Amino acid sequence: MANDSYRVDLDRLDEVVKKLNNVLKEMQSASGKAKSGTHLPAGSLGKGFEEENELRQTHDKMKEFIETYVLKKLEDLIDDLQKKTTKAHGAYQDQEQGTSNALNSGRPSAHSNYS
């Protein structure tokens, strides 16, 4: 019974890493679309009215804000989470292998430190 009290499903962690990679790819695609697909050239809103330039400048500021403070931050967050999940997966996998080797050889595990 004590053996079942502590278990990490490495397949699930691997699945999380794969899903995070897919989310990151989608975010990078959205970021690319935001950068290249939202250009507002001069005259595209019409000509001959004074607010046209102000509207384009406001659009450019909002576009930059979305790229820098929304999409980039989300990409960085997802990338960080993916890297940490991959690292945790590797650590658990190493611990599991060390424990298995120790049990098979009758010696205590060399991976007994959880730092």
N, C-alpha and C. Protein backbone atom coordinates (compact mmCIF):
# COMPACT_ATOMS: atom_id res chain seq x y z
N MET A 1 0.81 -1.20 0.00
CA MET A 1 0.00 0.00 0.00
C MET A 1 0.85 1.26 0.00
N ALA A 2 1.96 1.26 0.74
CA ALA A 2 2.83 2.43 0.79
C ALA A 2 3.44 2.71 -0.58
N ASN A 3 3.63 1.67 -1.37
CA ASN A 3 4.19 1.82 -2.71
C ASN A 3 3.29 2.66 -3.61
N ASP A 4 1.97 2.59 -3.42
CA ASP A 4 1.02 3.32 -4.25
C ASP A 4 0.79 4.75 -3.78
N SER A 5 1.32 5.12 -2.63
CA SER A 5 1.05 6.45 -2.08
C SER A 5 1.82 7.55 -2.80
N TYR A 6 2.90 7.22 -3.48
CA TYR A 6 3.69 8.22 -4.18
C TYR A 6 3.94 7.73 -5.60
N ARG A 7 3.30 8.40 -6.54
CA ARG A 7 3.46 8.00 -7.94
C ARG A 7 3.35 9.21 -8.84
N VAL A 8 4.22 9.27 -9.81
CA VAL A 8 4.16 10.32 -10.82
C VAL A 8 3.94 9.63 -12.16
N ASP A 9 2.91 10.09 -12.86
CA ASP A 9 2.60 9.52 -14.17
C ASP A 9 3.44 10.25 -15.22
N LEU A 10 4.55 9.63 -15.61
CA LEU A 10 5.47 10.26 -16.56
C LEU A 10 4.83 10.44 -17.93
N ASP A 11 3.94 9.54 -18.30
CA ASP A 11 3.25 9.68 -19.59
C ASP A 11 2.38 10.94 -19.61
N ARG A 12 1.75 11.23 -18.48
CA ARG A 12 0.93 12.45 -18.39
C ARG A 12 1.80 13.71 -18.48
N LEU A 13 2.93 13.69 -17.79
CA LEU A 13 3.85 14.82 -17.87
C LEU A 13 4.34 15.02 -19.31
N ASP A 14 4.65 13.93 -19.97
CA ASP A 14 5.09 14.00 -21.37
C ASP A 14 3.97 14.58 -22.24
N GLU A 15 2.75 14.19 -21.97
CA GLU A 15 1.59 14.71 -22.70
C GLU A 15 1.43 16.22 -22.48
N VAL A 16 1.64 16.66 -21.25
CA VAL A 16 1.57 18.10 -20.94
C VAL A 16 2.63 18.86 -21.72
N VAL A 17 3.84 18.34 -21.78
CA VAL A 17 4.92 18.98 -22.53
C VAL A 17 4.53 19.11 -24.00
N LYS A 18 4.00 18.05 -24.58
CA LYS A 18 3.59 18.09 -25.99
C LYS A 18 2.49 19.12 -26.22
N LYS A 19 1.52 19.17 -25.32
CA LYS A 19 0.43 20.14 -25.47
C LYS A 19 0.93 21.57 -25.33
N LEU A 20 1.86 21.79 -24.41
CA LEU A 20 2.43 23.13 -24.25
C LEU A 20 3.21 23.53 -25.50
N ASN A 21 3.91 22.58 -26.11
CA ASN A 21 4.61 22.87 -27.36
C ASN A 21 3.63 23.29 -28.45
N ASN A 22 2.49 22.60 -28.53
CA ASN A 22 1.47 22.96 -29.52
C ASN A 22 0.90 24.34 -29.24
N VAL A 23 0.64 24.64 -27.98
CA VAL A 23 0.12 25.97 -27.62
C VAL A 23 1.14 27.04 -28.00
N LEU A 24 2.40 26.78 -27.73
CA LEU A 24 3.46 27.73 -28.06
C LEU A 24 3.52 27.98 -29.56
N LYS A 25 3.40 26.93 -30.36
CA LYS A 25 3.40 27.08 -31.82
C LYS A 25 2.21 27.93 -32.27
N GLU A 26 1.05 27.70 -31.68
CA GLU A 26 -0.14 28.48 -32.02
C GLU A 26 0.04 29.95 -31.63
N MET A 27 0.65 30.18 -30.46
CA MET A 27 0.89 31.55 -30.01
C MET A 27 1.85 32.26 -30.96
N GLN A 28 2.87 31.57 -31.42
CA GLN A 28 3.81 32.17 -32.34
C GLN A 28 3.15 32.49 -33.68
N SER A 29 2.22 31.64 -34.09
CA SER A 29 1.46 31.91 -35.30
C SER A 29 0.58 33.15 -35.13
N ALA A 30 -0.08 33.25 -33.98
CA ALA A 30 -0.92 34.42 -33.70
C ALA A 30 -0.08 35.68 -33.62
N SER A 31 1.09 35.57 -33.04
CA SER A 31 1.99 36.71 -32.94
C SER A 31 2.43 37.17 -34.33
N GLY A 32 2.73 36.23 -35.19
CA GLY A 32 3.11 36.57 -36.56
C GLY A 32 1.99 37.27 -37.31
N LYS A 33 0.76 36.79 -37.10
CA LYS A 33 -0.39 37.43 -37.74
C LYS A 33 -0.61 38.83 -37.20
N ALA A 34 -0.41 39.00 -35.90
CA ALA A 34 -0.60 40.33 -35.31
C ALA A 34 0.43 41.31 -35.85
N LYS A 35 1.64 40.83 -36.10
CA LYS A 35 2.70 41.72 -36.59
C LYS A 35 2.52 42.07 -38.06
N SER A 36 2.22 41.06 -38.87
CA SER A 36 2.20 41.29 -40.31
C SER A 36 0.81 41.51 -40.89
N GLY A 37 -0.20 41.03 -40.22
CA GLY A 37 -1.55 41.09 -40.79
C GLY A 37 -2.39 42.25 -40.31
N THR A 38 -1.81 43.14 -39.54
CA THR A 38 -2.61 44.25 -39.00
C THR A 38 -2.01 45.61 -39.34
N HIS A 39 -1.26 45.67 -40.42
CA HIS A 39 -0.67 46.94 -40.85
C HIS A 39 -1.78 47.85 -41.39
N LEU A 40 -1.70 49.10 -41.04
CA LEU A 40 -2.70 50.08 -41.45
C LEU A 40 -1.99 51.19 -42.24
N PRO A 41 -1.90 51.03 -43.56
CA PRO A 41 -1.17 52.02 -44.36
C PRO A 41 -1.91 53.36 -44.43
N ALA A 42 -1.13 54.38 -44.72
CA ALA A 42 -1.71 55.73 -44.87
C ALA A 42 -2.78 55.72 -45.96
N GLY A 43 -3.87 56.37 -45.67
CA GLY A 43 -4.97 56.47 -46.64
C GLY A 43 -5.95 55.32 -46.59
N SER A 44 -5.65 54.27 -45.83
CA SER A 44 -6.55 53.12 -45.80
C SER A 44 -7.86 53.42 -45.06
N LEU A 45 -7.85 54.44 -44.25
CA LEU A 45 -9.06 54.82 -43.52
C LEU A 45 -9.82 55.95 -44.23
N GLY A 46 -9.29 56.38 -45.33
CA GLY A 46 -9.88 57.49 -46.06
C GLY A 46 -8.87 58.62 -46.16
N LYS A 47 -9.25 59.65 -46.88
CA LYS A 47 -8.35 60.79 -47.07
C LYS A 47 -9.10 62.08 -46.85
N GLY A 48 -8.34 63.09 -46.46
CA GLY A 48 -8.90 64.42 -46.37
C GLY A 48 -9.57 64.74 -45.04
N PHE A 49 -9.33 63.98 -43.99
CA PHE A 49 -9.85 64.35 -42.68
C PHE A 49 -8.72 64.27 -41.66
N GLU A 50 -8.71 65.17 -40.72
CA GLU A 50 -7.56 65.34 -39.83
C GLU A 50 -7.38 64.20 -38.83
N GLU A 51 -8.41 63.46 -38.51
CA GLU A 51 -8.30 62.38 -37.53
C GLU A 51 -7.63 61.13 -38.08
N GLU A 52 -7.46 61.06 -39.41
CA GLU A 52 -6.90 59.86 -40.05
C GLU A 52 -5.52 59.54 -39.50
N ASN A 53 -4.66 60.51 -39.40
CA ASN A 53 -3.30 60.30 -38.88
C ASN A 53 -3.34 59.88 -37.41
N GLU A 54 -4.19 60.52 -36.64
CA GLU A 54 -4.32 60.17 -35.22
C GLU A 54 -4.81 58.73 -35.04
N LEU A 55 -5.76 58.32 -35.86
CA LEU A 55 -6.28 56.95 -35.80
C LEU A 55 -5.18 55.93 -36.12
N ARG A 56 -4.39 56.21 -37.15
CA ARG A 56 -3.30 55.30 -37.51
C ARG A 56 -2.25 55.22 -36.42
N GLN A 57 -1.90 56.36 -35.81
CA GLN A 57 -0.92 56.37 -34.73
C GLN A 57 -1.43 55.60 -33.51
N THR A 58 -2.70 55.78 -33.20
CA THR A 58 -3.30 55.04 -32.08
C THR A 58 -3.31 53.54 -32.38
N HIS A 59 -3.63 53.20 -33.62
CA HIS A 59 -3.60 51.80 -34.03
C HIS A 59 -2.21 51.21 -33.85
N ASP A 60 -1.18 51.94 -34.29
CA ASP A 60 0.20 51.47 -34.17
C ASP A 60 0.61 51.28 -32.71
N LYS A 61 0.19 52.19 -31.84
CA LYS A 61 0.49 52.07 -30.41
C LYS A 61 -0.19 50.85 -29.81
N MET A 62 -1.46 50.64 -30.17
CA MET A 62 -2.20 49.48 -29.65
C MET A 62 -1.60 48.18 -30.17
N LYS A 63 -1.22 48.17 -31.43
CA LYS A 63 -0.59 47.00 -32.03
C LYS A 63 0.70 46.65 -31.28
N GLU A 64 1.52 47.66 -31.03
CA GLU A 64 2.78 47.45 -30.30
C GLU A 64 2.51 46.94 -28.88
N PHE A 65 1.50 47.49 -28.23
CA PHE A 65 1.15 47.04 -26.88
C PHE A 65 0.74 45.56 -26.89
N ILE A 66 -0.09 45.19 -27.83
CA ILE A 66 -0.55 43.79 -27.91
C ILE A 66 0.62 42.86 -28.19
N GLU A 67 1.49 43.25 -29.12
CA GLU A 67 2.65 42.41 -29.44
C GLU A 67 3.60 42.26 -28.26
N THR A 68 3.85 43.36 -27.54
CA THR A 68 4.85 43.38 -26.49
C THR A 68 4.32 42.91 -25.14
N TYR A 69 3.17 43.39 -24.76
CA TYR A 69 2.68 43.15 -23.40
C TYR A 69 1.63 42.06 -23.29
N VAL A 70 1.16 41.57 -24.41
CA VAL A 70 0.18 40.48 -24.35
C VAL A 70 0.78 39.22 -24.98
N LEU A 71 0.98 39.25 -26.28
CA LEU A 71 1.45 38.04 -26.96
C LEU A 71 2.83 37.60 -26.51
N LYS A 72 3.78 38.53 -26.42
CA LYS A 72 5.14 38.17 -26.01
C LYS A 72 5.17 37.62 -24.59
N LYS A 73 4.42 38.24 -23.69
CA LYS A 73 4.38 37.77 -22.30
C LYS A 73 3.75 36.38 -22.22
N LEU A 74 2.70 36.15 -22.99
CA LEU A 74 2.07 34.82 -23.01
C LEU A 74 3.03 33.77 -23.58
N GLU A 75 3.69 34.11 -24.66
CA GLU A 75 4.68 33.18 -25.24
C GLU A 75 5.76 32.84 -24.23
N ASP A 76 6.29 33.85 -23.56
CA ASP A 76 7.34 33.63 -22.56
C ASP A 76 6.84 32.75 -21.42
N LEU A 77 5.62 33.00 -20.96
CA LEU A 77 5.04 32.21 -19.87
C LEU A 77 4.88 30.75 -20.28
N ILE A 78 4.34 30.52 -21.46
CA ILE A 78 4.12 29.15 -21.93
C ILE A 78 5.46 28.45 -22.15
N ASP A 79 6.44 29.16 -22.71
CA ASP A 79 7.77 28.59 -22.93
C ASP A 79 8.41 28.20 -21.60
N ASP A 80 8.32 29.08 -20.61
CA ASP A 80 8.88 28.80 -19.28
C ASP A 80 8.20 27.58 -18.65
N LEU A 81 6.89 27.52 -18.75
CA LEU A 81 6.16 26.39 -18.19
C LEU A 81 6.54 25.09 -18.89
N GLN A 82 6.69 25.14 -20.20
CA GLN A 82 7.09 23.95 -20.96
C GLN A 82 8.47 23.48 -20.53
N LYS A 83 9.41 24.41 -20.39
CA LYS A 83 10.77 24.04 -19.98
C LYS A 83 10.80 23.45 -18.57
N LYS A 84 10.04 24.05 -17.65
CA LYS A 84 10.02 23.55 -16.28
C LYS A 84 9.34 22.18 -16.21
N THR A 85 8.31 21.97 -17.01
CA THR A 85 7.63 20.68 -17.02
C THR A 85 8.56 19.61 -17.59
N THR A 86 9.31 19.97 -18.63
CA THR A 86 10.28 19.03 -19.21
C THR A 86 11.35 18.68 -18.18
N LYS A 87 11.82 19.67 -17.45
CA LYS A 87 12.84 19.44 -16.42
C LYS A 87 12.29 18.54 -15.30
N ALA A 88 11.06 18.80 -14.88
CA ALA A 88 10.45 17.97 -13.83
C ALA A 88 10.28 16.54 -14.32
N HIS A 89 9.86 16.38 -15.57
CA HIS A 89 9.71 15.05 -16.16
C HIS A 89 11.03 14.30 -16.11
N GLY A 90 12.11 14.97 -16.53
CA GLY A 90 13.43 14.34 -16.52
C GLY A 90 13.88 13.97 -15.11
N ALA A 91 13.62 14.85 -14.16
CA ALA A 91 14.02 14.58 -12.77
C ALA A 91 13.27 13.38 -12.21
N TYR A 92 11.97 13.32 -12.46
CA TYR A 92 11.18 12.18 -11.99
C TYR A 92 11.62 10.89 -12.67
N GLN A 93 11.91 11.00 -13.95
CA GLN A 93 12.35 9.83 -14.70
C GLN A 93 13.70 9.32 -14.16
N ASP A 94 14.61 10.24 -13.88
CA ASP A 94 15.91 9.86 -13.31
C ASP A 94 15.74 9.22 -11.94
N GLN A 95 14.86 9.81 -11.12
CA GLN A 95 14.62 9.26 -9.78
C GLN A 95 14.02 7.86 -9.86
N GLU A 96 13.08 7.70 -10.78
CA GLU A 96 12.45 6.39 -10.95
C GLU A 96 13.48 5.35 -11.38
N GLN A 97 14.35 5.73 -12.31
CA GLN A 97 15.38 4.80 -12.78
C GLN A 97 16.38 4.49 -11.66
N GLY A 98 16.77 5.51 -10.90
CA GLY A 98 17.68 5.29 -9.78
C GLY A 98 17.09 4.38 -8.72
N THR A 99 15.83 4.59 -8.42
CA THR A 99 15.15 3.74 -7.43
C THR A 99 15.04 2.31 -7.94
N SER A 100 14.70 2.16 -9.21
CA SER A 100 14.59 0.83 -9.80
C SER A 100 15.94 0.11 -9.78
N ASN A 101 17.00 0.83 -10.13
CA ASN A 101 18.33 0.23 -10.11
C ASN A 101 18.74 -0.16 -8.69
N ALA A 102 18.42 0.69 -7.72
CA ALA A 102 18.77 0.41 -6.33
C ALA A 102 18.01 -0.81 -5.82
N LEU A 103 16.74 -0.91 -6.17
CA LEU A 103 15.95 -2.06 -5.74
C LEU A 103 16.46 -3.35 -6.37
N ASN A 104 16.88 -3.25 -7.62
CA ASN A 104 17.39 -4.44 -8.31
C ASN A 104 18.74 -4.88 -7.78
N SER A 105 19.53 -3.93 -7.30
CA SER A 105 20.85 -4.30 -6.81
C SER A 105 20.88 -4.47 -5.29
N GLY A 106 19.80 -4.10 -4.61
CA GLY A 106 19.73 -4.25 -3.16
C GLY A 106 20.41 -3.14 -2.40
N ARG A 107 20.77 -2.04 -3.08
CA ARG A 107 21.44 -0.91 -2.44
C ARG A 107 20.46 0.26 -2.38
N PRO A 108 20.74 1.23 -1.46
CA PRO A 108 19.92 2.44 -1.42
C PRO A 108 20.11 3.27 -2.68
N SER A 109 19.11 4.03 -3.06
CA SER A 109 19.16 4.87 -4.25
C SER A 109 20.18 5.98 -4.09
N ALA A 110 20.92 6.24 -5.17
CA ALA A 110 21.88 7.34 -5.18
C ALA A 110 21.19 8.67 -5.39
N HIS A 111 19.92 8.68 -5.79
CA HIS A 111 19.16 9.89 -6.06
C HIS A 111 18.24 10.22 -4.89
N SER A 112 18.75 10.15 -3.70
CA SER A 112 17.89 10.39 -2.56
C SER A 112 17.74 11.86 -2.22
N ASN A 113 18.53 12.73 -2.85
CA ASN A 113 18.40 14.18 -2.62
C ASN A 113 17.36 14.75 -3.57
N TYR A 114 16.42 15.54 -3.06
CA TYR A 114 15.35 16.12 -3.88
C TYR A 114 15.55 17.60 -4.05
N SER A 115 16.69 18.01 -4.56
CA SER A 115 16.95 19.44 -4.71
C SER A 115 16.51 19.95 -6.04
